[in-house]
Amino acid sequence: MDEVNSNTTTATSVVPPSSLPVGQPDSSKATITIPKEEYERLKAQAAEYLDGWKRAKADYLNFKKETDERQSEFVKFSTQLALMGLLPIYDHLKVAFAHLTPEQKKDPWVDGIAKIKQELSLYLHDAGIEEIHALGKLFDPVQHESVGVEVVPDKPLHTVVKEIKSGYTMHGKVIIPAQVIISEHQEQLNTQTT
């Protein structure tokens, strides 16, 4: 930009040849002179529009990021209900296998069911479901649900001594807490009953 005097400013702009009047030389640049105040006002307005565009673009990118995160969460937990329907079946299979006699374990039919149980376990694992291993751990109210107490003097207080029903997490979030029995010491039980 060349300044002609202190009150006017010369601006050079690129004008497409198709917008030039007929008979005017085909020049890709045209020069106009505007008052300096008008130039400053237009310059400030252009900066304001640019800032607004940048804010709008940032808002859009934030919205897109939030939407993508929400969609990802929805996809991650959309199958939770269906998978939770499979967990009782898996639990029943585990309980059934825990009660098999040595003779029954040799039966080919039982071996086939064991393979189905194993495939179901792999499917649940691939879907992000993990079993909560509670036995021998300190009671955690986030992962465990205490359904009883048992006097066990050689275990630390509130240690899980029996697992009644398995608990599960999905992608690290507890979806079913493990139902457990925790240890108490006799003196603790005596103080609670008085």
N, C-alpha and C. Protein backbone atom coordinates (compact mmCIF):
# COMPACT_ATOMS: atom_id res chain seq x y z
N MET A 1 0.84 -1.17 0.00
CA MET A 1 0.00 0.00 0.00
C MET A 1 0.89 1.24 0.00
N ASP A 2 0.64 2.11 -0.93
CA ASP A 2 1.40 3.36 -0.99
C ASP A 2 0.52 4.48 -0.49
N GLU A 3 1.09 5.34 0.32
CA GLU A 3 0.32 6.47 0.82
C GLU A 3 0.54 7.68 -0.09
N VAL A 4 -0.54 8.28 -0.55
CA VAL A 4 -0.45 9.46 -1.41
C VAL A 4 -0.25 10.70 -0.55
N ASN A 5 -1.10 10.88 0.44
CA ASN A 5 -0.88 11.92 1.45
C ASN A 5 -1.42 11.40 2.76
N SER A 6 -1.44 12.22 3.79
CA SER A 6 -1.82 11.74 5.10
C SER A 6 -3.31 11.45 5.21
N ASN A 7 -4.15 11.95 4.32
CA ASN A 7 -5.59 11.73 4.40
C ASN A 7 -6.10 10.65 3.46
N THR A 8 -5.29 10.21 2.51
CA THR A 8 -5.75 9.19 1.57
C THR A 8 -4.74 8.04 1.53
N THR A 9 -5.24 6.89 1.12
CA THR A 9 -4.39 5.71 0.98
C THR A 9 -4.68 5.11 -0.37
N THR A 10 -3.62 4.66 -1.02
CA THR A 10 -3.77 3.99 -2.31
C THR A 10 -3.71 2.50 -2.06
N ALA A 11 -4.69 1.81 -2.59
CA ALA A 11 -4.74 0.36 -2.43
C ALA A 11 -4.70 -0.28 -3.80
N THR A 12 -3.95 -1.34 -3.92
CA THR A 12 -3.88 -2.09 -5.17
C THR A 12 -4.62 -3.40 -4.96
N SER A 13 -5.50 -3.70 -5.88
CA SER A 13 -6.22 -4.95 -5.76
C SER A 13 -6.17 -5.69 -7.08
N VAL A 14 -6.28 -6.98 -7.00
CA VAL A 14 -6.31 -7.81 -8.20
C VAL A 14 -7.76 -7.90 -8.65
N VAL A 15 -7.97 -7.54 -9.92
CA VAL A 15 -9.32 -7.57 -10.48
C VAL A 15 -9.33 -8.62 -11.58
N PRO A 16 -10.23 -9.55 -11.54
CA PRO A 16 -10.30 -10.54 -12.61
C PRO A 16 -10.60 -9.86 -13.94
N PRO A 17 -9.95 -10.31 -15.01
CA PRO A 17 -10.15 -9.67 -16.32
C PRO A 17 -11.61 -9.66 -16.75
N SER A 18 -12.39 -10.62 -16.39
CA SER A 18 -13.79 -10.68 -16.82
C SER A 18 -14.63 -9.58 -16.18
N SER A 19 -14.16 -8.97 -15.08
CA SER A 19 -14.95 -7.93 -14.43
C SER A 19 -14.57 -6.53 -14.89
N LEU A 20 -13.60 -6.42 -15.79
CA LEU A 20 -13.20 -5.10 -16.31
C LEU A 20 -14.20 -4.63 -17.36
N PRO A 21 -14.48 -3.33 -17.40
CA PRO A 21 -15.39 -2.81 -18.44
C PRO A 21 -14.81 -3.04 -19.84
N VAL A 22 -15.69 -3.11 -20.82
CA VAL A 22 -15.29 -3.32 -22.21
C VAL A 22 -14.44 -2.13 -22.65
N GLY A 23 -13.36 -2.42 -23.34
CA GLY A 23 -12.51 -1.38 -23.87
C GLY A 23 -11.39 -0.99 -22.93
N GLN A 24 -11.41 -1.43 -21.70
CA GLN A 24 -10.35 -1.11 -20.76
C GLN A 24 -9.22 -2.10 -20.98
N PRO A 25 -8.00 -1.66 -20.85
CA PRO A 25 -6.87 -2.57 -21.07
C PRO A 25 -6.94 -3.75 -20.10
N ASP A 26 -6.52 -4.91 -20.60
CA ASP A 26 -6.56 -6.13 -19.79
C ASP A 26 -5.41 -6.12 -18.80
N SER A 27 -5.66 -5.56 -17.64
CA SER A 27 -4.65 -5.50 -16.59
C SER A 27 -5.19 -6.29 -15.41
N SER A 28 -4.33 -7.04 -14.75
CA SER A 28 -4.80 -7.83 -13.62
C SER A 28 -4.76 -7.04 -12.32
N LYS A 29 -4.29 -5.79 -12.35
CA LYS A 29 -4.26 -4.95 -11.15
C LYS A 29 -4.95 -3.63 -11.43
N ALA A 30 -5.68 -3.18 -10.41
CA ALA A 30 -6.33 -1.88 -10.50
C ALA A 30 -5.98 -1.11 -9.23
N THR A 31 -5.85 0.18 -9.34
CA THR A 31 -5.49 1.01 -8.19
C THR A 31 -6.65 1.94 -7.88
N ILE A 32 -7.01 1.99 -6.58
CA ILE A 32 -8.04 2.92 -6.14
C ILE A 32 -7.49 3.73 -4.97
N THR A 33 -8.03 4.91 -4.79
CA THR A 33 -7.60 5.77 -3.69
C THR A 33 -8.81 5.98 -2.78
N ILE A 34 -8.62 5.70 -1.47
CA ILE A 34 -9.69 5.89 -0.50
C ILE A 34 -9.15 6.68 0.68
N PRO A 35 -10.03 7.34 1.41
CA PRO A 35 -9.57 8.08 2.59
C PRO A 35 -8.94 7.13 3.60
N LYS A 36 -7.96 7.62 4.33
CA LYS A 36 -7.22 6.81 5.30
C LYS A 36 -8.14 6.27 6.38
N GLU A 37 -9.11 7.07 6.85
CA GLU A 37 -10.04 6.60 7.87
C GLU A 37 -10.85 5.40 7.36
N GLU A 38 -11.27 5.49 6.11
CA GLU A 38 -12.03 4.39 5.49
C GLU A 38 -11.17 3.14 5.38
N TYR A 39 -9.91 3.35 5.00
CA TYR A 39 -8.97 2.24 4.89
C TYR A 39 -8.79 1.56 6.25
N GLU A 40 -8.58 2.36 7.32
CA GLU A 40 -8.40 1.82 8.66
C GLU A 40 -9.67 1.10 9.13
N ARG A 41 -10.84 1.68 8.81
CA ARG A 41 -12.10 1.05 9.19
C ARG A 41 -12.26 -0.30 8.49
N LEU A 42 -11.96 -0.34 7.20
CA LEU A 42 -12.05 -1.59 6.44
C LEU A 42 -11.02 -2.62 6.92
N LYS A 43 -9.85 -2.14 7.26
CA LYS A 43 -8.81 -3.02 7.76
C LYS A 43 -9.25 -3.63 9.10
N ALA A 44 -9.80 -2.81 10.02
CA ALA A 44 -10.29 -3.30 11.31
C ALA A 44 -11.46 -4.27 11.11
N GLN A 45 -12.34 -3.94 10.16
CA GLN A 45 -13.48 -4.81 9.89
C GLN A 45 -13.01 -6.17 9.35
N ALA A 46 -12.01 -6.13 8.47
CA ALA A 46 -11.46 -7.39 7.93
C ALA A 46 -10.83 -8.22 9.05
N ALA A 47 -10.11 -7.56 9.97
CA ALA A 47 -9.51 -8.27 11.10
C ALA A 47 -10.60 -8.86 12.00
N GLU A 48 -11.69 -8.09 12.20
CA GLU A 48 -12.81 -8.58 13.02
C GLU A 48 -13.46 -9.80 12.36
N TYR A 49 -13.64 -9.74 11.05
CA TYR A 49 -14.22 -10.88 10.34
C TYR A 49 -13.30 -12.10 10.42
N LEU A 50 -12.00 -11.87 10.31
CA LEU A 50 -11.04 -12.96 10.39
C LEU A 50 -11.06 -13.59 11.78
N ASP A 51 -11.10 -12.77 12.84
CA ASP A 51 -11.18 -13.29 14.20
C ASP A 51 -12.47 -14.09 14.40
N GLY A 52 -13.57 -13.56 13.89
CA GLY A 52 -14.85 -14.27 13.99
C GLY A 52 -14.80 -15.61 13.27
N TRP A 53 -14.18 -15.61 12.12
CA TRP A 53 -14.05 -16.87 11.36
C TRP A 53 -13.19 -17.87 12.14
N LYS A 54 -12.10 -17.39 12.73
CA LYS A 54 -11.23 -18.28 13.51
C LYS A 54 -11.98 -18.85 14.71
N ARG A 55 -12.77 -18.00 15.40
CA ARG A 55 -13.55 -18.48 16.55
C ARG A 55 -14.59 -19.50 16.10
N ALA A 56 -15.25 -19.21 14.99
CA ALA A 56 -16.27 -20.14 14.48
C ALA A 56 -15.62 -21.47 14.09
N LYS A 57 -14.46 -21.40 13.49
CA LYS A 57 -13.76 -22.63 13.12
C LYS A 57 -13.35 -23.41 14.37
N ALA A 58 -12.84 -22.72 15.39
CA ALA A 58 -12.47 -23.38 16.65
C ALA A 58 -13.70 -23.99 17.32
N ASP A 59 -14.81 -23.25 17.33
CA ASP A 59 -16.06 -23.78 17.90
C ASP A 59 -16.51 -25.03 17.15
N TYR A 60 -16.41 -24.99 15.83
CA TYR A 60 -16.80 -26.14 15.03
C TYR A 60 -15.91 -27.34 15.33
N LEU A 61 -14.59 -27.11 15.41
CA LEU A 61 -13.67 -28.21 15.68
C LEU A 61 -13.93 -28.80 17.07
N ASN A 62 -14.22 -27.94 18.06
CA ASN A 62 -14.55 -28.43 19.41
C ASN A 62 -15.85 -29.23 19.38
N PHE A 63 -16.84 -28.72 18.67
CA PHE A 63 -18.12 -29.43 18.54
C PHE A 63 -17.92 -30.78 17.87
N LYS A 64 -17.13 -30.80 16.81
CA LYS A 64 -16.86 -32.05 16.09
C LYS A 64 -16.15 -33.04 17.01
N LYS A 65 -15.17 -32.55 17.79
CA LYS A 65 -14.45 -33.42 18.72
C LYS A 65 -15.39 -33.99 19.77
N GLU A 66 -16.25 -33.13 20.35
CA GLU A 66 -17.21 -33.58 21.36
C GLU A 66 -18.19 -34.59 20.77
N THR A 67 -18.66 -34.33 19.57
CA THR A 67 -19.59 -35.23 18.90
C THR A 67 -18.93 -36.58 18.63
N ASP A 68 -17.69 -36.55 18.16
CA ASP A 68 -16.97 -37.80 17.91
C ASP A 68 -16.77 -38.59 19.19
N GLU A 69 -16.44 -37.89 20.30
CA GLU A 69 -16.25 -38.57 21.58
C GLU A 69 -17.58 -39.18 22.06
N ARG A 70 -18.67 -38.39 21.93
CA ARG A 70 -19.97 -38.90 22.34
C ARG A 70 -20.37 -40.11 21.51
N GLN A 71 -20.12 -40.04 20.21
CA GLN A 71 -20.45 -41.15 19.33
C GLN A 71 -19.61 -42.38 19.68
N SER A 72 -18.35 -42.16 19.99
CA SER A 72 -17.48 -43.26 20.37
C SER A 72 -17.97 -43.91 21.66
N GLU A 73 -18.37 -43.10 22.64
CA GLU A 73 -18.92 -43.63 23.89
C GLU A 73 -20.21 -44.42 23.62
N PHE A 74 -21.05 -43.88 22.74
CA PHE A 74 -22.30 -44.56 22.42
C PHE A 74 -22.02 -45.92 21.79
N VAL A 75 -21.08 -45.95 20.85
CA VAL A 75 -20.74 -47.22 20.19
C VAL A 75 -20.15 -48.19 21.21
N LYS A 76 -19.30 -47.66 22.09
CA LYS A 76 -18.62 -48.52 23.07
C LYS A 76 -19.62 -49.20 24.00
N PHE A 77 -20.63 -48.47 24.45
CA PHE A 77 -21.56 -49.02 25.42
C PHE A 77 -22.92 -49.39 24.83
N SER A 78 -23.08 -49.24 23.51
CA SER A 78 -24.37 -49.59 22.92
C SER A 78 -24.66 -51.08 22.98
N THR A 79 -23.60 -51.87 22.96
CA THR A 79 -23.77 -53.32 23.02
C THR A 79 -23.80 -53.84 24.45
N GLN A 80 -23.65 -52.94 25.41
CA GLN A 80 -23.58 -53.35 26.82
C GLN A 80 -24.80 -54.16 27.25
N LEU A 81 -25.98 -53.71 26.87
CA LEU A 81 -27.19 -54.40 27.30
C LEU A 81 -27.24 -55.83 26.75
N ALA A 82 -26.93 -55.99 25.48
CA ALA A 82 -26.95 -57.33 24.88
C ALA A 82 -25.89 -58.22 25.52
N LEU A 83 -24.71 -57.67 25.73
CA LEU A 83 -23.64 -58.46 26.34
C LEU A 83 -23.96 -58.81 27.78
N MET A 84 -24.63 -57.90 28.48
CA MET A 84 -25.00 -58.18 29.87
C MET A 84 -26.00 -59.34 29.93
N GLY A 85 -26.77 -59.52 28.87
CA GLY A 85 -27.69 -60.65 28.81
C GLY A 85 -26.95 -61.98 28.68
N LEU A 86 -25.73 -61.93 28.14
CA LEU A 86 -24.93 -63.15 28.01
C LEU A 86 -24.21 -63.52 29.30
N LEU A 87 -23.99 -62.54 30.17
CA LEU A 87 -23.21 -62.80 31.39
C LEU A 87 -23.85 -63.83 32.32
N PRO A 88 -25.18 -63.80 32.55
CA PRO A 88 -25.76 -64.86 33.39
C PRO A 88 -25.58 -66.25 32.79
N ILE A 89 -25.65 -66.35 31.48
CA ILE A 89 -25.44 -67.64 30.81
C ILE A 89 -24.02 -68.12 31.06
N TYR A 90 -23.07 -67.20 30.91
CA TYR A 90 -21.67 -67.54 31.15
C TYR A 90 -21.45 -67.94 32.61
N ASP A 91 -22.08 -67.21 33.54
CA ASP A 91 -21.97 -67.55 34.97
C ASP A 91 -22.53 -68.94 35.24
N HIS A 92 -23.66 -69.27 34.63
CA HIS A 92 -24.26 -70.60 34.84
C HIS A 92 -23.34 -71.70 34.30
N LEU A 93 -22.72 -71.44 33.15
CA LEU A 93 -21.77 -72.42 32.62
C LEU A 93 -20.60 -72.62 33.57
N LYS A 94 -20.09 -71.53 34.14
CA LYS A 94 -18.97 -71.64 35.09
C LYS A 94 -19.37 -72.45 36.32
N VAL A 95 -20.56 -72.17 36.85
CA VAL A 95 -21.04 -72.90 38.03
C VAL A 95 -21.23 -74.38 37.69
N ALA A 96 -21.79 -74.66 36.53
CA ALA A 96 -22.01 -76.05 36.12
C ALA A 96 -20.68 -76.79 36.02
N PHE A 97 -19.67 -76.16 35.45
CA PHE A 97 -18.37 -76.81 35.30
C PHE A 97 -17.67 -76.97 36.65
N ALA A 98 -17.94 -76.09 37.58
CA ALA A 98 -17.35 -76.22 38.91
C ALA A 98 -17.90 -77.43 39.66
N HIS A 99 -19.10 -77.88 39.31
CA HIS A 99 -19.75 -79.00 40.00
C HIS A 99 -19.65 -80.34 39.25
N LEU A 100 -18.87 -80.39 38.18
CA LEU A 100 -18.71 -81.64 37.44
C LEU A 100 -17.86 -82.63 38.23
N THR A 101 -18.26 -83.87 38.17
CA THR A 101 -17.46 -84.92 38.79
C THR A 101 -16.32 -85.29 37.83
N PRO A 102 -15.27 -85.94 38.34
CA PRO A 102 -14.17 -86.33 37.45
C PRO A 102 -14.62 -87.21 36.29
N GLU A 103 -15.61 -88.09 36.53
CA GLU A 103 -16.10 -88.95 35.44
C GLU A 103 -16.82 -88.12 34.37
N GLN A 104 -17.60 -87.14 34.81
CA GLN A 104 -18.35 -86.30 33.87
C GLN A 104 -17.40 -85.46 33.01
N LYS A 105 -16.28 -85.05 33.57
CA LYS A 105 -15.32 -84.22 32.82
C LYS A 105 -14.73 -84.97 31.63
N LYS A 106 -14.75 -86.30 31.66
CA LYS A 106 -14.20 -87.11 30.57
C LYS A 106 -15.19 -87.29 29.43
N ASP A 107 -16.44 -86.96 29.63
CA ASP A 107 -17.48 -87.13 28.62
C ASP A 107 -17.23 -86.18 27.45
N PRO A 108 -17.26 -86.68 26.20
CA PRO A 108 -17.04 -85.83 25.02
C PRO A 108 -18.08 -84.70 24.91
N TRP A 109 -19.29 -84.97 25.37
CA TRP A 109 -20.32 -83.94 25.32
C TRP A 109 -19.94 -82.77 26.22
N VAL A 110 -19.42 -83.07 27.40
CA VAL A 110 -18.97 -82.02 28.32
C VAL A 110 -17.80 -81.25 27.72
N ASP A 111 -16.93 -81.96 27.02
CA ASP A 111 -15.79 -81.30 26.35
C ASP A 111 -16.29 -80.30 25.30
N GLY A 112 -17.34 -80.69 24.57
CA GLY A 112 -17.93 -79.77 23.57
C GLY A 112 -18.52 -78.53 24.23
N ILE A 113 -19.22 -78.72 25.35
CA ILE A 113 -19.79 -77.57 26.07
C ILE A 113 -18.66 -76.70 26.63
N ALA A 114 -17.56 -77.32 27.05
CA ALA A 114 -16.41 -76.56 27.56
C ALA A 114 -15.83 -75.67 26.47
N LYS A 115 -15.82 -76.17 25.24
CA LYS A 115 -15.32 -75.36 24.12
C LYS A 115 -16.26 -74.18 23.84
N ILE A 116 -17.57 -74.42 23.97
CA ILE A 116 -18.54 -73.32 23.80
C ILE A 116 -18.32 -72.27 24.89
N LYS A 117 -18.10 -72.71 26.13
CA LYS A 117 -17.84 -71.80 27.25
C LYS A 117 -16.58 -70.98 26.97
N GLN A 118 -15.56 -71.65 26.45
CA GLN A 118 -14.30 -70.97 26.14
C GLN A 118 -14.50 -69.92 25.03
N GLU A 119 -15.26 -70.27 23.99
CA GLU A 119 -15.54 -69.32 22.92
C GLU A 119 -16.33 -68.12 23.42
N LEU A 120 -17.30 -68.38 24.30
CA LEU A 120 -18.07 -67.29 24.89
C LEU A 120 -17.18 -66.38 25.72
N SER A 121 -16.27 -66.99 26.45
CA SER A 121 -15.31 -66.20 27.26
C SER A 121 -14.45 -65.31 26.35
N LEU A 122 -13.96 -65.84 25.25
CA LEU A 122 -13.15 -65.06 24.30
C LEU A 122 -13.98 -63.94 23.66
N TYR A 123 -15.23 -64.25 23.32
CA TYR A 123 -16.11 -63.24 22.72
C TYR A 123 -16.33 -62.08 23.69
N LEU A 124 -16.60 -62.40 24.95
CA LEU A 124 -16.81 -61.35 25.96
C LEU A 124 -15.53 -60.53 26.15
N HIS A 125 -14.40 -61.21 26.17
CA HIS A 125 -13.12 -60.51 26.32
C HIS A 125 -12.88 -59.57 25.14
N ASP A 126 -13.12 -60.05 23.92
CA ASP A 126 -12.94 -59.22 22.73
C ASP A 126 -13.89 -58.02 22.73
N ALA A 127 -15.05 -58.17 23.37
CA ALA A 127 -16.02 -57.07 23.45
C ALA A 127 -15.67 -56.09 24.57
N GLY A 128 -14.57 -56.34 25.30
CA GLY A 128 -14.14 -55.41 26.35
C GLY A 128 -14.63 -55.78 27.73
N ILE A 129 -15.22 -56.97 27.88
CA ILE A 129 -15.72 -57.38 29.19
C ILE A 129 -14.66 -58.23 29.88
N GLU A 130 -14.35 -57.83 31.11
CA GLU A 130 -13.38 -58.56 31.92
C GLU A 130 -14.03 -58.96 33.24
N GLU A 131 -13.66 -60.13 33.73
CA GLU A 131 -14.17 -60.59 35.02
C GLU A 131 -13.40 -59.91 36.14
N ILE A 132 -14.10 -59.54 37.19
CA ILE A 132 -13.46 -58.95 38.37
C ILE A 132 -12.98 -60.11 39.24
N HIS A 133 -11.68 -60.17 39.47
CA HIS A 133 -11.12 -61.21 40.33
C HIS A 133 -11.06 -60.65 41.75
N ALA A 134 -11.93 -61.13 42.61
CA ALA A 134 -12.09 -60.54 43.94
C ALA A 134 -11.45 -61.36 45.05
N LEU A 135 -11.36 -62.64 44.89
CA LEU A 135 -10.92 -63.53 45.97
C LEU A 135 -9.54 -63.13 46.48
N GLY A 136 -9.44 -62.94 47.81
CA GLY A 136 -8.17 -62.60 48.44
C GLY A 136 -7.83 -61.12 48.44
N LYS A 137 -8.64 -60.32 47.79
CA LYS A 137 -8.39 -58.87 47.73
C LYS A 137 -9.18 -58.15 48.81
N LEU A 138 -8.71 -56.96 49.16
CA LEU A 138 -9.45 -56.14 50.11
C LEU A 138 -10.75 -55.69 49.48
N PHE A 139 -11.79 -55.59 50.29
CA PHE A 139 -13.10 -55.18 49.82
C PHE A 139 -13.03 -53.79 49.21
N ASP A 140 -13.55 -53.66 48.00
CA ASP A 140 -13.61 -52.38 47.29
C ASP A 140 -15.08 -52.14 46.94
N PRO A 141 -15.72 -51.14 47.54
CA PRO A 141 -17.15 -50.94 47.29
C PRO A 141 -17.50 -50.59 45.85
N VAL A 142 -16.52 -50.19 45.07
CA VAL A 142 -16.78 -49.90 43.66
C VAL A 142 -16.90 -51.20 42.87
N GLN A 143 -16.07 -52.19 43.21
CA GLN A 143 -16.04 -53.43 42.45
C GLN A 143 -16.79 -54.58 43.14
N HIS A 144 -17.02 -54.46 44.43
CA HIS A 144 -17.61 -55.57 45.18
C HIS A 144 -18.90 -55.15 45.87
N GLU A 145 -19.77 -56.13 46.03
CA GLU A 145 -20.99 -55.95 46.82
C GLU A 145 -20.94 -57.01 47.91
N SER A 146 -20.86 -56.56 49.17
CA SER A 146 -20.77 -57.49 50.28
C SER A 146 -22.16 -58.07 50.57
N VAL A 147 -22.24 -59.40 50.51
CA VAL A 147 -23.52 -60.06 50.81
C VAL A 147 -23.45 -60.84 52.11
N GLY A 148 -22.33 -60.73 52.82
CA GLY A 148 -22.19 -61.40 54.10
C GLY A 148 -20.79 -61.26 54.65
N VAL A 149 -20.65 -61.69 55.89
CA VAL A 149 -19.34 -61.67 56.55
C VAL A 149 -19.07 -63.05 57.13
N GLU A 150 -17.80 -63.34 57.30
CA GLU A 150 -17.38 -64.61 57.87
C GLU A 150 -16.20 -64.34 58.79
N VAL A 151 -16.21 -64.97 59.96
CA VAL A 151 -15.10 -64.78 60.89
C VAL A 151 -13.91 -65.60 60.40
N VAL A 152 -12.85 -64.90 60.06
CA VAL A 152 -11.61 -65.53 59.59
C VAL A 152 -10.46 -64.79 60.29
N PRO A 153 -9.97 -65.32 61.40
CA PRO A 153 -8.97 -64.61 62.19
C PRO A 153 -7.61 -64.46 61.49
N ASP A 154 -7.26 -65.38 60.57
CA ASP A 154 -5.94 -65.31 59.94
C ASP A 154 -5.92 -64.46 58.67
N LYS A 155 -7.03 -63.82 58.31
CA LYS A 155 -7.08 -62.94 57.14
C LYS A 155 -7.19 -61.49 57.61
N PRO A 156 -6.64 -60.56 56.84
CA PRO A 156 -6.82 -59.15 57.19
C PRO A 156 -8.31 -58.79 57.16
N LEU A 157 -8.67 -57.84 57.95
CA LEU A 157 -10.06 -57.38 58.05
C LEU A 157 -10.56 -56.92 56.69
N HIS A 158 -11.77 -57.29 56.33
CA HIS A 158 -12.46 -56.91 55.10
C HIS A 158 -11.78 -57.44 53.84
N THR A 159 -11.22 -58.62 53.96
CA THR A 159 -10.66 -59.29 52.79
C THR A 159 -11.75 -60.19 52.21
N VAL A 160 -11.82 -60.26 50.90
CA VAL A 160 -12.80 -61.13 50.24
C VAL A 160 -12.37 -62.58 50.45
N VAL A 161 -13.23 -63.35 51.14
CA VAL A 161 -12.91 -64.75 51.42
C VAL A 161 -13.71 -65.71 50.54
N LYS A 162 -14.83 -65.26 50.01
CA LYS A 162 -15.64 -66.08 49.09
C LYS A 162 -16.26 -65.17 48.04
N GLU A 163 -16.33 -65.71 46.84
CA GLU A 163 -17.00 -65.00 45.76
C GLU A 163 -18.29 -65.75 45.47
N ILE A 164 -19.42 -65.10 45.72
CA ILE A 164 -20.72 -65.73 45.51
C ILE A 164 -21.11 -65.65 44.04
N LYS A 165 -20.92 -64.49 43.45
CA LYS A 165 -21.27 -64.28 42.04
C LYS A 165 -20.22 -63.38 41.42
N SER A 166 -19.81 -63.73 40.22
CA SER A 166 -18.76 -62.94 39.54
C SER A 166 -19.25 -61.55 39.20
N GLY A 167 -18.30 -60.63 39.21
CA GLY A 167 -18.56 -59.26 38.75
C GLY A 167 -17.80 -59.02 37.45
N TYR A 168 -18.22 -57.97 36.73
CA TYR A 168 -17.62 -57.72 35.42
C TYR A 168 -17.41 -56.22 35.19
N THR A 169 -16.38 -55.93 34.41
CA THR A 169 -16.15 -54.57 33.93
C THR A 169 -16.25 -54.58 32.41
N MET A 170 -16.60 -53.44 31.85
CA MET A 170 -16.61 -53.29 30.40
C MET A 170 -15.81 -52.04 30.08
N HIS A 171 -14.71 -52.22 29.37
CA HIS A 171 -13.80 -51.12 29.04
C HIS A 171 -13.38 -50.38 30.31
N GLY A 172 -13.13 -51.14 31.38
CA GLY A 172 -12.66 -50.56 32.63
C GLY A 172 -13.73 -50.02 33.55
N LYS A 173 -14.97 -50.00 33.12
CA LYS A 173 -16.07 -49.49 33.93
C LYS A 173 -16.85 -50.67 34.51
N VAL A 174 -17.10 -50.64 35.83
CA VAL A 174 -17.82 -51.73 36.47
C VAL A 174 -19.27 -51.73 35.99
N ILE A 175 -19.70 -52.87 35.43
CA ILE A 175 -21.09 -52.98 34.99
C ILE A 175 -21.89 -53.88 35.91
N ILE A 176 -21.20 -54.84 36.54
CA ILE A 176 -21.83 -55.72 37.54
C ILE A 176 -20.80 -55.93 38.65
N PRO A 177 -21.10 -55.48 39.87
CA PRO A 177 -20.13 -55.71 40.95
C PRO A 177 -20.15 -57.18 41.38
N ALA A 178 -19.00 -57.67 41.84
CA ALA A 178 -18.90 -59.05 42.33
C ALA A 178 -19.59 -59.14 43.69
N GLN A 179 -20.42 -60.16 43.86
CA GLN A 179 -21.06 -60.38 45.16
C GLN A 179 -20.12 -61.26 45.98
N VAL A 180 -19.72 -60.73 47.15
CA VAL A 180 -18.67 -61.38 47.92
C VAL A 180 -19.02 -61.49 49.40
N ILE A 181 -18.29 -62.37 50.07
CA ILE A 181 -18.33 -62.47 51.53
C ILE A 181 -16.96 -62.01 52.00
N ILE A 182 -16.97 -61.12 52.99
CA ILE A 182 -15.71 -60.54 53.46
C ILE A 182 -15.40 -61.03 54.87
N SER A 183 -14.12 -60.95 55.19
CA SER A 183 -13.66 -61.42 56.50
C SER A 183 -13.92 -60.37 57.58
N GLU A 184 -14.23 -60.90 58.74
CA GLU A 184 -14.37 -60.08 59.96
C GLU A 184 -13.62 -60.82 61.04
N HIS A 185 -13.26 -60.10 62.07
CA HIS A 185 -12.67 -60.73 63.25
C HIS A 185 -13.76 -60.80 64.31
N GLN A 186 -13.68 -61.79 65.17
CA GLN A 186 -14.74 -62.02 66.16
C GLN A 186 -15.01 -60.77 67.00
N GLU A 187 -13.95 -60.06 67.40
CA GLU A 187 -14.16 -58.85 68.22
C GLU A 187 -14.93 -57.78 67.45
N GLN A 188 -14.75 -57.73 66.12
CA GLN A 188 -15.51 -56.78 65.30
C GLN A 188 -17.00 -57.14 65.32
N LEU A 189 -17.30 -58.42 65.20
CA LEU A 189 -18.70 -58.85 65.20
C LEU A 189 -19.33 -58.60 66.56
N ASN A 190 -18.57 -58.83 67.64
CA ASN A 190 -19.08 -58.59 68.99
C ASN A 190 -19.45 -57.12 69.21
N THR A 191 -18.60 -56.21 68.69
CA THR A 191 -18.88 -54.77 68.88
C THR A 191 -20.05 -54.32 68.01
N GLN A 192 -20.27 -54.98 66.89
CA GLN A 192 -21.38 -54.59 66.02
C GLN A 192 -22.72 -55.06 66.56
N THR A 193 -22.74 -56.17 67.29
CA THR A 193 -24.01 -56.71 67.78
C THR A 193 -24.42 -56.08 69.11
N THR A 194 -23.52 -55.37 69.77
CA THR A 194 -23.88 -54.74 71.07
C THR A 194 -24.23 -53.30 70.89
